[in-house]
């Protein structure tokens, strides 16, 4: 799996909440037409958010990157923020599976 990660520092919780709402609305509106498998927005107490998007291929990730970078530029028109961008691949992922319970 391929991931595009945006770490965005705003400096205050109210500002990061507004930015998280902006990303949520954008991804809900455009998610079905984007080449992504999952998207997750993480919020911390320091006034930062992390947007993590998972894609099936590097080509899909590159397509999303153009969309994601455009969202960041829109955000910068309204807010002062520091952005770090990462393109990564998954080397290990553990997800607990819910086991059926026998009665």
C-alpha atoms as a PDB file:
ATOM      1  CA  UNK A   1       0.000   0.000   0.000  1.00  0.00           C
ATOM      2  CA  UNK A   2       1.040   3.563  -0.685  1.00  0.00           C
ATOM      3  CA  UNK A   3       0.330   6.501   1.613  1.00  0.00           C
ATOM      4  CA  UNK A   4       0.310  10.258   1.221  1.00  0.00           C
ATOM      5  CA  UNK A   5       0.631  11.989   4.585  1.00  0.00           C
ATOM      6  CA  UNK A   6       0.205  15.679   5.338  1.00  0.00           C
ATOM      7  CA  UNK A   7       1.279  16.908   8.792  1.00  0.00           C
ATOM      8  CA  UNK A   8      -0.166  20.385   9.270  1.00  0.00           C
ATOM      9  CA  UNK A   9       0.597  22.587  12.289  1.00  0.00           C
ATOM     10  CA  UNK A  10      -1.716  25.501  12.999  1.00  0.00           C
ATOM     11  CA  UNK A  11      -0.805  26.449  16.550  1.00  0.00           C
ATOM     12  CA  UNK A  12      -4.298  26.471  18.020  1.00  0.00           C
ATOM     13  CA  UNK A  13      -7.059  23.929  18.461  1.00  0.00           C
ATOM     14  CA  UNK A  14      -9.876  26.129  17.111  1.00  0.00           C
ATOM     15  CA  UNK A  15      -7.970  26.701  13.871  1.00  0.00           C
ATOM     16  CA  UNK A  16      -7.073  23.030  13.476  1.00  0.00           C
ATOM     17  CA  UNK A  17     -10.729  22.073  14.083  1.00  0.00           C
ATOM     18  CA  UNK A  18     -11.801  24.378  11.251  1.00  0.00           C
ATOM     19  CA  UNK A  19      -9.128  22.914   8.979  1.00  0.00           C
ATOM     20  CA  UNK A  20     -10.185  19.360   9.866  1.00  0.00           C
ATOM     21  CA  UNK A  21     -13.765  20.291   8.952  1.00  0.00           C
ATOM     22  CA  UNK A  22     -12.514  21.682   5.619  1.00  0.00           C
ATOM     23  CA  UNK A  23     -10.706  18.407   4.806  1.00  0.00           C
ATOM     24  CA  UNK A  24     -13.676  16.337   5.962  1.00  0.00           C
ATOM     25  CA  UNK A  25     -16.099  18.228   3.725  1.00  0.00           C
ATOM     26  CA  UNK A  26     -13.740  18.069   0.743  1.00  0.00           C
ATOM     27  CA  UNK A  27     -13.054  14.345   1.083  1.00  0.00           C
ATOM     28  CA  UNK A  28     -16.726  13.500   1.673  1.00  0.00           C
ATOM     29  CA  UNK A  29     -17.683  15.465  -1.441  1.00  0.00           C
ATOM     30  CA  UNK A  30     -14.897  14.161  -3.719  1.00  0.00           C
ATOM     31  CA  UNK A  31     -13.995  10.807  -2.138  1.00  0.00           C
ATOM     32  CA  UNK A  32     -15.928   8.620  -4.581  1.00  0.00           C
ATOM     33  CA  UNK A  33     -14.104  10.041  -7.597  1.00  0.00           C
ATOM     34  CA  UNK A  34     -10.624  10.010  -6.018  1.00  0.00           C
ATOM     35  CA  UNK A  35      -8.260   7.018  -6.459  1.00  0.00           C
ATOM     36  CA  UNK A  36      -8.037   6.348  -2.711  1.00  0.00           C
ATOM     37  CA  UNK A  37      -8.803   3.357  -0.519  1.00  0.00           C
ATOM     38  CA  UNK A  38      -8.959   5.124   2.837  1.00  0.00           C
ATOM     39  CA  UNK A  39      -8.547   8.595   4.287  1.00  0.00           C
ATOM     40  CA  UNK A  40      -8.053   9.441   7.949  1.00  0.00           C
ATOM     41  CA  UNK A  41      -7.778  12.791   9.706  1.00  0.00           C
ATOM     42  CA  UNK A  42      -5.970  12.799  13.044  1.00  0.00           C
ATOM     43  CA  UNK A  43      -6.212  15.688  15.481  1.00  0.00           C
ATOM     44  CA  UNK A  44      -3.931  16.447  18.428  1.00  0.00           C
ATOM     45  CA  UNK A  45      -4.055  18.702  21.465  1.00  0.00           C
ATOM     46  CA  UNK A  46      -1.232  20.901  20.146  1.00  0.00           C
ATOM     47  CA  UNK A  47      -3.212  22.381  17.261  1.00  0.00           C
ATOM     48  CA  UNK A  48      -2.034  20.043  14.505  1.00  0.00           C
ATOM     49  CA  UNK A  49      -3.764  17.620  12.176  1.00  0.00           C
ATOM     50  CA  UNK A  50      -2.478  14.741  10.117  1.00  0.00           C
ATOM     51  CA  UNK A  51      -4.216  13.723   6.919  1.00  0.00           C
ATOM     52  CA  UNK A  52      -3.310  10.159   5.955  1.00  0.00           C
ATOM     53  CA  UNK A  53      -4.533   8.740   2.641  1.00  0.00           C
ATOM     54  CA  UNK A  54      -4.000   5.153   1.464  1.00  0.00           C
ATOM     55  CA  UNK A  55      -3.840   4.244  -2.232  1.00  0.00           C
ATOM     56  CA  UNK A  56      -3.467   0.925  -4.036  1.00  0.00           C
ATOM     57  CA  UNK A  57      -0.674   2.007  -6.392  1.00  0.00           C
ATOM     58  CA  UNK A  58       1.973   4.668  -6.780  1.00  0.00           C
ATOM     59  CA  UNK A  59       0.061   5.960  -9.812  1.00  0.00           C
ATOM     60  CA  UNK A  60      -3.083   6.405  -7.694  1.00  0.00           C
ATOM     61  CA  UNK A  61      -1.039   8.120  -4.983  1.00  0.00           C
ATOM     62  CA  UNK A  62       0.426  10.542  -7.534  1.00  0.00           C
ATOM     63  CA  UNK A  63      -3.085  11.364  -8.787  1.00  0.00           C
ATOM     64  CA  UNK A  64      -4.260  12.002  -5.235  1.00  0.00           C
ATOM     65  CA  UNK A  65      -1.161  14.088  -4.486  1.00  0.00           C
ATOM     66  CA  UNK A  66      -2.232  16.668  -7.085  1.00  0.00           C
ATOM     67  CA  UNK A  67      -5.656  16.892  -5.416  1.00  0.00           C
ATOM     68  CA  UNK A  68      -4.222  16.932  -1.875  1.00  0.00           C
ATOM     69  CA  UNK A  69      -1.626  19.596  -2.688  1.00  0.00           C
ATOM     70  CA  UNK A  70      -4.394  21.759  -4.205  1.00  0.00           C
ATOM     71  CA  UNK A  71      -6.405  21.396  -0.977  1.00  0.00           C
ATOM     72  CA  UNK A  72      -3.381  22.510   1.027  1.00  0.00           C
ATOM     73  CA  UNK A  73      -3.007  25.603  -1.170  1.00  0.00           C
ATOM     74  CA  UNK A  74      -6.692  26.456  -0.642  1.00  0.00           C
ATOM     75  CA  UNK A  75      -6.177  26.073   3.089  1.00  0.00           C
ATOM     76  CA  UNK A  76      -3.165  28.403   3.030  1.00  0.00           C
ATOM     77  CA  UNK A  77      -5.351  31.184   1.605  1.00  0.00           C
ATOM     78  CA  UNK A  78      -7.353  31.187   4.852  1.00  0.00           C
ATOM     79  CA  UNK A  79      -4.910  30.014   7.541  1.00  0.00           C
ATOM     80  CA  UNK A  80      -1.275  30.357   8.502  1.00  0.00           C
ATOM     81  CA  UNK A  81       0.170  26.885   8.837  1.00  0.00           C
ATOM     82  CA  UNK A  82       3.298  24.794   8.476  1.00  0.00           C
ATOM     83  CA  UNK A  83       2.930  21.738   6.244  1.00  0.00           C
ATOM     84  CA  UNK A  84       5.108  18.669   5.907  1.00  0.00           C
ATOM     85  CA  UNK A  85       4.329  16.184   3.133  1.00  0.00           C
ATOM     86  CA  UNK A  86       5.350  12.544   2.951  1.00  0.00           C
ATOM     87  CA  UNK A  87       4.860   9.837   0.348  1.00  0.00           C
ATOM     88  CA  UNK A  88       5.397   6.428   1.936  1.00  0.00           C
ATOM     89  CA  UNK A  89       4.882   2.721   1.415  1.00  0.00           C
ATOM     90  CA  UNK A  90       3.654   0.309   4.011  1.00  0.00           C
ATOM     91  CA  UNK A  91       6.161  -2.262   5.243  1.00  0.00           C
ATOM     92  CA  UNK A  92       3.998  -3.680   8.049  1.00  0.00           C
ATOM     93  CA  UNK A  93       0.431  -3.265   9.212  1.00  0.00           C
ATOM     94  CA  UNK A  94      -1.350  -5.169  11.944  1.00  0.00           C
ATOM     95  CA  UNK A  95      -5.110  -5.069  12.273  1.00  0.00           C
ATOM     96  CA  UNK A  96      -6.873  -7.144  14.864  1.00  0.00           C
ATOM     97  CA  UNK A  97      -9.647  -9.217  13.388  1.00  0.00           C
ATOM     98  CA  UNK A  98     -12.805  -9.638  15.417  1.00  0.00           C
ATOM     99  CA  UNK A  99     -13.096 -13.326  16.183  1.00  0.00           C
ATOM    100  CA  UNK A 100     -16.548 -14.881  16.186  1.00  0.00           C
ATOM    101  CA  UNK A 101     -17.759 -15.672  19.677  1.00  0.00           C
ATOM    102  CA  UNK A 102     -19.138 -19.160  20.193  1.00  0.00           C
ATOM    103  CA  UNK A 103     -22.126 -19.333  22.469  1.00  0.00           C
END
